[in-house]
């Protein structure tokens, strides 16, 4: 349970004025001794203002990409919009000698609304196979794969086994 600064100060005054030992007083009011002593140390060092709640999150994330580097990544993405986040991460690492992960580049581009959906080739399914089988177990599997070849386009590899 979180206590406002005024209640923390009231608990400190109550413990200071109590005729019982500190631990017994804290047990009776239901405050763990470690919590009380943490409050008391902050009170002695900073006064009543030290009892105010502080944000629980760190003020700075230790591994955050600096703003200058983030701006460089966004600029590279705008210069070369055909590159995927993975390709951008590799290109940036090669050019700038500063490692950034694909996931970091993806999150950065997404926050700047620079992620586009991939170019899909829409294929309509046929009602029946073009090459019909003439015996059981003649065709086990059929399918196709499209591969994107950088600088060339889409490669279609049909396969029948």
N, C-alpha and C. Protein backbone atom coordinates (compact mmCIF):
# COMPACT_ATOMS: atom_id res chain seq x y z
N UNK A 1 0.84 -1.19 0.00
CA UNK A 1 0.00 0.00 0.00
C UNK A 1 0.88 1.25 0.00
N UNK A 2 0.51 2.20 -0.81
CA UNK A 2 1.26 3.46 -0.86
C UNK A 2 0.65 4.45 0.13
N UNK A 3 1.52 5.11 0.84
CA UNK A 3 1.09 6.12 1.80
C UNK A 3 1.47 7.49 1.27
N UNK A 4 0.59 8.47 1.42
CA UNK A 4 0.99 9.83 1.05
C UNK A 4 2.05 10.34 2.03
N UNK A 5 2.76 11.37 1.63
CA UNK A 5 3.85 11.92 2.44
C UNK A 5 3.36 12.35 3.83
N UNK A 6 2.15 12.86 3.91
CA UNK A 6 1.63 13.32 5.22
C UNK A 6 1.47 12.15 6.17
N UNK A 7 0.99 11.00 5.66
CA UNK A 7 0.83 9.84 6.53
C UNK A 7 2.18 9.26 6.93
N UNK A 8 3.14 9.28 6.03
CA UNK A 8 4.49 8.80 6.36
C UNK A 8 5.07 9.63 7.49
N UNK A 9 4.91 10.96 7.40
CA UNK A 9 5.42 11.86 8.43
C UNK A 9 4.70 11.59 9.76
N UNK A 10 3.40 11.34 9.69
CA UNK A 10 2.62 11.05 10.90
C UNK A 10 3.10 9.75 11.55
N UNK A 11 3.42 8.73 10.73
CA UNK A 11 3.91 7.45 11.25
C UNK A 11 5.28 7.65 11.90
N UNK A 12 6.14 8.45 11.27
CA UNK A 12 7.46 8.73 11.86
C UNK A 12 7.30 9.41 13.21
N UNK A 13 6.43 10.41 13.29
CA UNK A 13 6.21 11.12 14.57
C UNK A 13 5.64 10.17 15.62
N UNK A 14 4.72 9.29 15.19
CA UNK A 14 4.12 8.34 16.13
C UNK A 14 5.18 7.40 16.70
N UNK A 15 6.08 6.89 15.85
CA UNK A 15 7.13 5.98 16.31
C UNK A 15 8.11 6.72 17.22
N UNK A 16 8.46 7.98 16.84
CA UNK A 16 9.39 8.75 17.67
C UNK A 16 8.81 9.01 19.07
N UNK A 17 7.51 9.24 19.19
CA UNK A 17 6.90 9.60 20.47
C UNK A 17 6.40 8.40 21.26
N UNK A 18 6.47 7.22 20.67
CA UNK A 18 5.96 6.03 21.33
C UNK A 18 6.88 5.61 22.48
N UNK A 19 6.28 5.11 23.57
CA UNK A 19 7.06 4.61 24.70
C UNK A 19 7.49 3.16 24.47
N UNK A 20 6.93 2.51 23.40
CA UNK A 20 7.29 1.13 23.07
C UNK A 20 8.55 1.13 22.19
N UNK A 21 9.25 -0.01 22.12
CA UNK A 21 10.38 -0.12 21.19
C UNK A 21 9.89 0.06 19.75
N UNK A 22 10.79 0.49 18.88
CA UNK A 22 10.43 0.81 17.50
C UNK A 22 9.79 -0.39 16.81
N UNK A 23 10.40 -1.55 16.91
CA UNK A 23 9.87 -2.73 16.21
C UNK A 23 8.47 -3.10 16.71
N UNK A 24 8.23 -3.00 17.98
CA UNK A 24 6.90 -3.32 18.52
C UNK A 24 5.86 -2.32 18.04
N UNK A 25 6.25 -1.05 18.00
CA UNK A 25 5.34 -0.02 17.51
C UNK A 25 5.01 -0.26 16.04
N UNK A 26 6.02 -0.57 15.25
CA UNK A 26 5.80 -0.82 13.82
C UNK A 26 4.94 -2.06 13.60
N UNK A 27 5.13 -3.09 14.42
CA UNK A 27 4.31 -4.30 14.31
C UNK A 27 2.85 -3.97 14.59
N UNK A 28 2.61 -3.15 15.60
CA UNK A 28 1.23 -2.79 15.97
C UNK A 28 0.53 -1.99 14.87
N UNK A 29 1.28 -1.12 14.15
CA UNK A 29 0.63 -0.34 13.09
C UNK A 29 0.77 -0.99 11.71
N UNK A 30 1.50 -2.12 11.64
CA UNK A 30 1.56 -2.89 10.40
C UNK A 30 2.49 -2.34 9.33
N UNK A 31 3.58 -1.72 9.77
CA UNK A 31 4.57 -1.19 8.81
C UNK A 31 5.84 -2.02 8.95
N UNK A 32 6.37 -2.57 7.83
CA UNK A 32 7.64 -3.31 7.92
C UNK A 32 8.77 -2.37 8.35
N UNK A 33 9.68 -2.86 9.19
CA UNK A 33 10.79 -2.01 9.66
C UNK A 33 11.65 -1.47 8.51
N UNK A 34 11.89 -2.28 7.49
CA UNK A 34 12.72 -1.79 6.38
C UNK A 34 12.05 -0.60 5.69
N UNK A 35 10.74 -0.65 5.54
CA UNK A 35 10.02 0.46 4.93
C UNK A 35 10.13 1.70 5.80
N UNK A 36 9.91 1.51 7.11
CA UNK A 36 9.99 2.64 8.03
C UNK A 36 11.37 3.28 7.99
N UNK A 37 12.43 2.48 8.07
CA UNK A 37 13.77 3.05 8.10
C UNK A 37 14.14 3.72 6.77
N UNK A 38 13.61 3.21 5.66
CA UNK A 38 13.84 3.88 4.38
C UNK A 38 13.18 5.26 4.40
N UNK A 39 11.93 5.31 4.89
CA UNK A 39 11.25 6.60 5.01
C UNK A 39 12.02 7.53 5.95
N UNK A 40 12.46 6.99 7.09
CA UNK A 40 13.13 7.80 8.10
C UNK A 40 14.45 8.38 7.56
N UNK A 41 15.22 7.55 6.84
CA UNK A 41 16.48 8.03 6.25
C UNK A 41 16.21 9.17 5.26
N UNK A 42 15.18 9.03 4.44
CA UNK A 42 14.85 10.10 3.48
C UNK A 42 14.36 11.35 4.21
N UNK A 43 13.64 11.15 5.31
CA UNK A 43 13.15 12.28 6.09
C UNK A 43 14.32 13.04 6.73
N UNK A 44 15.28 12.31 7.30
CA UNK A 44 16.44 12.94 7.95
C UNK A 44 17.28 13.68 6.91
N UNK A 45 17.45 13.08 5.72
CA UNK A 45 18.31 13.67 4.70
C UNK A 45 17.65 14.84 3.96
N UNK A 46 16.36 14.72 3.63
CA UNK A 46 15.70 15.72 2.77
C UNK A 46 14.54 16.45 3.43
N UNK A 47 14.19 16.07 4.65
CA UNK A 47 13.06 16.71 5.31
C UNK A 47 11.74 16.13 4.81
N UNK A 48 10.63 16.79 5.10
CA UNK A 48 9.31 16.26 4.70
C UNK A 48 9.18 16.08 3.18
N UNK A 49 9.91 16.87 2.40
CA UNK A 49 9.84 16.75 0.94
C UNK A 49 10.40 15.40 0.47
N UNK A 50 11.31 14.83 1.23
CA UNK A 50 11.90 13.54 0.87
C UNK A 50 10.92 12.39 0.98
N UNK A 51 9.79 12.62 1.63
CA UNK A 51 8.79 11.55 1.78
C UNK A 51 7.81 11.49 0.61
N UNK A 52 7.87 12.45 -0.28
CA UNK A 52 6.98 12.44 -1.45
C UNK A 52 7.29 11.23 -2.32
N UNK A 53 6.27 10.72 -2.99
CA UNK A 53 6.47 9.58 -3.89
C UNK A 53 7.36 9.98 -5.05
N UNK A 54 8.23 9.07 -5.41
CA UNK A 54 9.11 9.28 -6.56
C UNK A 54 8.67 8.32 -7.66
N UNK A 55 8.88 8.70 -8.92
CA UNK A 55 8.50 7.77 -9.99
C UNK A 55 9.32 6.49 -9.90
N UNK A 56 8.68 5.35 -10.16
CA UNK A 56 9.36 4.07 -10.02
C UNK A 56 10.19 3.73 -11.25
N UNK A 57 9.93 4.39 -12.36
CA UNK A 57 10.70 4.08 -13.57
C UNK A 57 12.00 4.87 -13.57
N UNK A 58 13.01 4.34 -14.24
CA UNK A 58 14.28 5.06 -14.29
C UNK A 58 14.16 6.33 -15.11
N UNK A 59 14.97 7.31 -14.80
CA UNK A 59 14.91 8.58 -15.52
C UNK A 59 15.50 8.46 -16.91
N UNK A 60 16.37 7.47 -17.11
CA UNK A 60 17.00 7.27 -18.41
C UNK A 60 17.19 5.78 -18.63
N UNK A 61 16.84 5.30 -19.81
CA UNK A 61 17.02 3.89 -20.13
C UNK A 61 18.47 3.70 -20.57
N UNK A 62 19.15 2.72 -20.04
CA UNK A 62 20.58 2.55 -20.27
C UNK A 62 20.92 2.21 -21.71
N UNK A 63 20.03 1.53 -22.43
CA UNK A 63 20.37 1.09 -23.78
C UNK A 63 19.57 1.81 -24.86
N UNK A 64 19.06 2.95 -24.57
CA UNK A 64 18.27 3.70 -25.55
C UNK A 64 19.17 4.25 -26.64
N UNK A 65 18.70 4.14 -27.88
CA UNK A 65 19.46 4.66 -29.01
C UNK A 65 19.42 6.19 -28.93
N UNK A 66 20.56 6.86 -28.99
CA UNK A 66 20.58 8.32 -28.90
C UNK A 66 19.76 8.97 -30.03
N UNK A 67 19.22 10.15 -29.73
CA UNK A 67 18.36 10.84 -30.70
C UNK A 67 19.07 11.11 -32.02
N UNK A 68 20.34 11.45 -31.98
CA UNK A 68 21.08 11.73 -33.22
C UNK A 68 21.13 10.48 -34.10
N UNK A 69 21.35 9.32 -33.49
CA UNK A 69 21.41 8.06 -34.24
C UNK A 69 20.01 7.71 -34.76
N UNK A 70 18.99 7.94 -33.93
CA UNK A 70 17.62 7.67 -34.38
C UNK A 70 17.27 8.52 -35.60
N UNK A 71 17.70 9.77 -35.58
CA UNK A 71 17.44 10.66 -36.73
C UNK A 71 18.16 10.15 -37.97
N UNK A 72 19.38 9.62 -37.81
CA UNK A 72 20.12 9.08 -38.95
C UNK A 72 19.41 7.86 -39.54
N UNK A 73 18.87 7.01 -38.68
CA UNK A 73 18.16 5.82 -39.15
C UNK A 73 16.91 6.22 -39.93
N UNK A 74 16.15 7.18 -39.39
CA UNK A 74 14.94 7.65 -40.08
C UNK A 74 15.31 8.28 -41.42
N UNK A 75 16.40 9.06 -41.45
CA UNK A 75 16.83 9.68 -42.71
C UNK A 75 17.19 8.61 -43.73
N UNK A 76 17.89 7.55 -43.30
CA UNK A 76 18.25 6.47 -44.21
C UNK A 76 16.99 5.76 -44.72
N UNK A 77 16.02 5.57 -43.85
CA UNK A 77 14.77 4.92 -44.25
C UNK A 77 14.02 5.77 -45.27
N UNK A 78 14.07 7.09 -45.12
CA UNK A 78 13.40 7.97 -46.07
C UNK A 78 14.15 8.02 -47.41
N UNK A 79 15.48 7.90 -47.36
CA UNK A 79 16.28 7.89 -48.59
C UNK A 79 16.07 6.60 -49.39
N UNK A 80 15.91 5.49 -48.67
CA UNK A 80 15.79 4.19 -49.32
C UNK A 80 14.55 3.47 -48.80
N UNK A 81 13.36 3.89 -49.27
CA UNK A 81 12.11 3.34 -48.73
C UNK A 81 11.87 1.88 -49.10
N UNK A 82 12.59 1.34 -50.08
CA UNK A 82 12.36 -0.05 -50.48
C UNK A 82 13.01 -1.06 -49.53
N UNK A 83 13.88 -0.59 -48.63
CA UNK A 83 14.57 -1.50 -47.71
C UNK A 83 13.68 -1.88 -46.54
N UNK A 84 13.75 -3.14 -46.15
CA UNK A 84 13.03 -3.64 -44.98
C UNK A 84 13.77 -3.20 -43.71
N UNK A 85 13.14 -3.32 -42.53
CA UNK A 85 13.85 -2.98 -41.29
C UNK A 85 15.15 -3.78 -41.12
N UNK A 86 15.13 -5.05 -41.52
CA UNK A 86 16.35 -5.86 -41.42
C UNK A 86 17.44 -5.31 -42.33
N UNK A 87 17.08 -5.00 -43.57
CA UNK A 87 18.06 -4.47 -44.51
C UNK A 87 18.57 -3.10 -44.06
N UNK A 88 17.68 -2.29 -43.49
CA UNK A 88 18.10 -0.98 -42.97
C UNK A 88 19.08 -1.14 -41.81
N UNK A 89 18.80 -2.08 -40.92
CA UNK A 89 19.68 -2.30 -39.76
C UNK A 89 21.07 -2.74 -40.23
N UNK A 90 21.11 -3.64 -41.19
CA UNK A 90 22.41 -4.11 -41.71
C UNK A 90 23.14 -2.98 -42.43
N UNK A 91 22.42 -2.25 -43.28
CA UNK A 91 23.04 -1.16 -44.03
C UNK A 91 23.57 -0.09 -43.08
N UNK A 92 22.77 0.27 -42.07
CA UNK A 92 23.19 1.30 -41.11
C UNK A 92 24.43 0.84 -40.34
N UNK A 93 24.42 -0.43 -39.90
CA UNK A 93 25.56 -0.97 -39.16
C UNK A 93 26.81 -0.96 -40.03
N UNK A 94 26.67 -1.32 -41.30
CA UNK A 94 27.82 -1.33 -42.20
C UNK A 94 28.33 0.09 -42.48
N UNK A 95 27.41 1.02 -42.71
CA UNK A 95 27.81 2.38 -43.08
C UNK A 95 28.37 3.16 -41.89
N UNK A 96 27.67 3.11 -40.77
CA UNK A 96 28.00 3.97 -39.63
C UNK A 96 28.85 3.28 -38.56
N UNK A 97 29.05 1.97 -38.68
CA UNK A 97 29.80 1.20 -37.68
C UNK A 97 29.17 1.34 -36.28
N UNK A 98 27.83 1.40 -36.26
CA UNK A 98 27.07 1.52 -35.02
C UNK A 98 25.97 0.46 -35.11
N UNK A 99 26.00 -0.54 -34.23
CA UNK A 99 25.04 -1.64 -34.33
C UNK A 99 23.66 -1.22 -33.84
N UNK A 100 22.66 -1.51 -34.65
CA UNK A 100 21.26 -1.40 -34.25
C UNK A 100 20.57 -2.68 -34.69
N UNK A 101 19.68 -3.17 -33.87
CA UNK A 101 18.99 -4.41 -34.20
C UNK A 101 17.84 -4.16 -35.15
N UNK A 102 17.42 -5.22 -35.81
CA UNK A 102 16.27 -5.14 -36.71
C UNK A 102 15.03 -4.72 -35.94
N UNK A 103 14.86 -5.26 -34.73
CA UNK A 103 13.68 -4.94 -33.92
C UNK A 103 13.67 -3.45 -33.54
N UNK A 104 14.83 -2.91 -33.21
CA UNK A 104 14.90 -1.48 -32.86
C UNK A 104 14.55 -0.61 -34.05
N UNK A 105 15.06 -1.00 -35.22
CA UNK A 105 14.75 -0.24 -36.44
C UNK A 105 13.26 -0.34 -36.74
N UNK A 106 12.69 -1.53 -36.58
CA UNK A 106 11.26 -1.71 -36.83
C UNK A 106 10.43 -0.82 -35.91
N UNK A 107 10.75 -0.84 -34.60
CA UNK A 107 9.99 -0.01 -33.64
C UNK A 107 10.14 1.47 -33.96
N UNK A 108 11.33 1.89 -34.34
CA UNK A 108 11.58 3.29 -34.68
C UNK A 108 10.77 3.69 -35.91
N UNK A 109 10.82 2.87 -36.95
CA UNK A 109 10.06 3.18 -38.17
C UNK A 109 8.56 3.16 -37.91
N UNK A 110 8.12 2.22 -37.09
CA UNK A 110 6.69 2.14 -36.76
C UNK A 110 6.24 3.39 -36.00
N UNK A 111 7.08 3.88 -35.11
CA UNK A 111 6.71 5.09 -34.35
C UNK A 111 6.64 6.32 -35.25
N UNK A 112 7.36 6.29 -36.38
CA UNK A 112 7.32 7.39 -37.34
C UNK A 112 6.35 7.09 -38.49
N UNK A 113 5.57 6.01 -38.35
CA UNK A 113 4.57 5.60 -39.35
C UNK A 113 5.23 5.37 -40.72
N UNK A 114 6.39 4.72 -40.72
CA UNK A 114 7.12 4.45 -41.96
C UNK A 114 7.08 2.97 -42.35
N UNK A 115 6.33 2.16 -41.62
CA UNK A 115 6.23 0.75 -41.95
C UNK A 115 5.06 0.58 -42.92
N UNK A 116 5.35 0.00 -44.06
CA UNK A 116 4.31 -0.26 -45.05
C UNK A 116 4.06 -1.76 -45.11
N UNK A 117 2.90 -2.14 -45.57
CA UNK A 117 2.63 -3.56 -45.70
C UNK A 117 3.41 -4.09 -46.90
N UNK A 118 3.84 -5.34 -46.82
CA UNK A 118 4.62 -5.89 -47.92
C UNK A 118 3.80 -5.99 -49.19
N UNK A 119 4.48 -5.98 -50.32
CA UNK A 119 3.81 -6.09 -51.61
C UNK A 119 3.45 -7.55 -51.84
N UNK A 120 2.17 -7.87 -51.73
CA UNK A 120 1.72 -9.23 -51.94
C UNK A 120 1.23 -9.40 -53.38
N UNK A 121 1.47 -10.57 -53.93
CA UNK A 121 0.93 -10.91 -55.23
C UNK A 121 -0.32 -11.74 -54.95
N UNK A 122 -1.47 -11.23 -55.35
CA UNK A 122 -2.72 -11.91 -55.07
C UNK A 122 -2.98 -12.93 -56.18
N UNK A 123 -3.19 -14.16 -55.79
CA UNK A 123 -3.44 -15.24 -56.74
C UNK A 123 -4.79 -15.86 -56.40
N UNK A 124 -5.63 -16.00 -57.38
CA UNK A 124 -6.94 -16.58 -57.17
C UNK A 124 -6.84 -18.09 -57.29
N UNK A 125 -7.45 -18.81 -56.39
CA UNK A 125 -7.42 -20.26 -56.43
C UNK A 125 -8.34 -20.77 -57.54
N UNK A 126 -7.89 -21.82 -58.22
CA UNK A 126 -8.69 -22.44 -59.29
C UNK A 126 -9.70 -23.40 -58.67
N UNK A 127 -10.74 -23.71 -59.43
CA UNK A 127 -11.76 -24.65 -58.95
C UNK A 127 -11.25 -26.09 -58.96
N UNK A 128 -10.31 -26.40 -59.88
CA UNK A 128 -9.78 -27.75 -59.96
C UNK A 128 -8.34 -27.69 -60.49
N UNK A 129 -7.59 -28.77 -60.29
CA UNK A 129 -6.21 -28.83 -60.78
C UNK A 129 -6.18 -28.85 -62.29
N UNK A 130 -5.17 -28.19 -62.85
CA UNK A 130 -4.98 -28.19 -64.30
C UNK A 130 -4.50 -29.57 -64.76
N UNK A 131 -3.55 -30.15 -64.06
CA UNK A 131 -3.03 -31.49 -64.38
C UNK A 131 -3.69 -32.48 -63.44
N UNK A 132 -4.67 -33.21 -63.94
CA UNK A 132 -5.43 -34.14 -63.11
C UNK A 132 -4.64 -35.42 -62.88
N UNK A 133 -4.84 -36.04 -61.75
CA UNK A 133 -4.20 -37.32 -61.46
C UNK A 133 -4.99 -38.44 -62.13
N UNK A 134 -4.30 -39.51 -62.43
CA UNK A 134 -4.96 -40.65 -63.09
C UNK A 134 -4.93 -41.88 -62.21
N UNK A 135 -4.22 -41.85 -61.08
CA UNK A 135 -4.14 -43.01 -60.18
C UNK A 135 -4.03 -42.49 -58.76
N UNK A 136 -4.42 -43.31 -57.76
CA UNK A 136 -4.28 -42.90 -56.37
C UNK A 136 -2.80 -42.64 -56.02
N UNK A 137 -2.57 -41.74 -55.13
CA UNK A 137 -1.22 -41.39 -54.64
C UNK A 137 -0.29 -40.89 -55.74
N UNK A 138 -0.82 -40.37 -56.81
CA UNK A 138 0.03 -39.88 -57.88
C UNK A 138 0.59 -38.50 -57.55
N UNK A 139 -0.20 -37.63 -56.94
CA UNK A 139 0.26 -36.29 -56.57
C UNK A 139 0.15 -36.15 -55.06
N UNK A 140 1.26 -35.95 -54.43
CA UNK A 140 1.29 -35.85 -52.98
C UNK A 140 1.11 -34.42 -52.50
N UNK A 141 1.71 -33.50 -53.20
CA UNK A 141 1.71 -32.12 -52.71
C UNK A 141 1.89 -31.19 -53.89
N UNK A 142 1.29 -30.04 -53.78
CA UNK A 142 1.51 -29.00 -54.79
C UNK A 142 1.60 -27.68 -54.07
N UNK A 143 2.30 -26.72 -54.65
CA UNK A 143 2.42 -25.42 -54.02
C UNK A 143 3.30 -24.52 -54.86
N UNK A 144 3.53 -23.35 -54.39
CA UNK A 144 4.39 -22.40 -55.07
C UNK A 144 5.00 -21.48 -54.05
N UNK A 145 6.09 -20.87 -54.42
CA UNK A 145 6.80 -19.96 -53.53
C UNK A 145 7.22 -18.73 -54.31
N UNK A 146 7.03 -17.59 -53.72
CA UNK A 146 7.52 -16.35 -54.30
C UNK A 146 8.69 -15.87 -53.46
N UNK A 147 9.78 -15.55 -54.08
CA UNK A 147 10.96 -15.02 -53.39
C UNK A 147 11.26 -13.63 -53.92
N UNK A 148 11.54 -12.70 -53.03
CA UNK A 148 11.92 -11.37 -53.45
C UNK A 148 13.43 -11.32 -53.62
N UNK A 149 13.88 -11.00 -54.82
CA UNK A 149 15.30 -10.87 -55.12
C UNK A 149 15.59 -9.38 -55.18
N UNK A 150 16.45 -8.90 -54.26
CA UNK A 150 16.77 -7.49 -54.17
C UNK A 150 17.39 -7.01 -55.48
N UNK A 151 16.88 -5.91 -55.99
CA UNK A 151 17.42 -5.33 -57.21
C UNK A 151 16.94 -6.01 -58.48
N UNK A 152 16.06 -7.02 -58.35
CA UNK A 152 15.59 -7.72 -59.55
C UNK A 152 14.07 -7.82 -59.56
N UNK A 153 13.48 -8.32 -58.49
CA UNK A 153 12.03 -8.45 -58.43
C UNK A 153 11.63 -9.75 -57.76
N UNK A 154 10.45 -10.23 -58.11
CA UNK A 154 9.91 -11.44 -57.51
C UNK A 154 10.24 -12.65 -58.37
N UNK A 155 10.72 -13.72 -57.75
CA UNK A 155 11.04 -14.97 -58.43
C UNK A 155 9.97 -15.98 -58.05
N UNK A 156 9.32 -16.58 -59.04
CA UNK A 156 8.26 -17.54 -58.80
C UNK A 156 8.81 -18.93 -59.07
N UNK A 157 8.76 -19.76 -58.06
CA UNK A 157 9.24 -21.13 -58.21
C UNK A 157 8.07 -22.06 -57.96
N UNK A 158 7.52 -22.65 -59.00
CA UNK A 158 6.43 -23.62 -58.84
C UNK A 158 7.03 -24.98 -58.60
N UNK A 159 6.34 -25.74 -57.80
CA UNK A 159 6.86 -27.09 -57.55
C UNK A 159 5.72 -28.08 -57.42
N UNK A 160 5.93 -29.22 -57.93
CA UNK A 160 5.01 -30.35 -57.77
C UNK A 160 5.86 -31.57 -57.42
N UNK A 161 5.42 -32.28 -56.40
CA UNK A 161 6.19 -33.46 -55.96
C UNK A 161 5.33 -34.67 -56.19
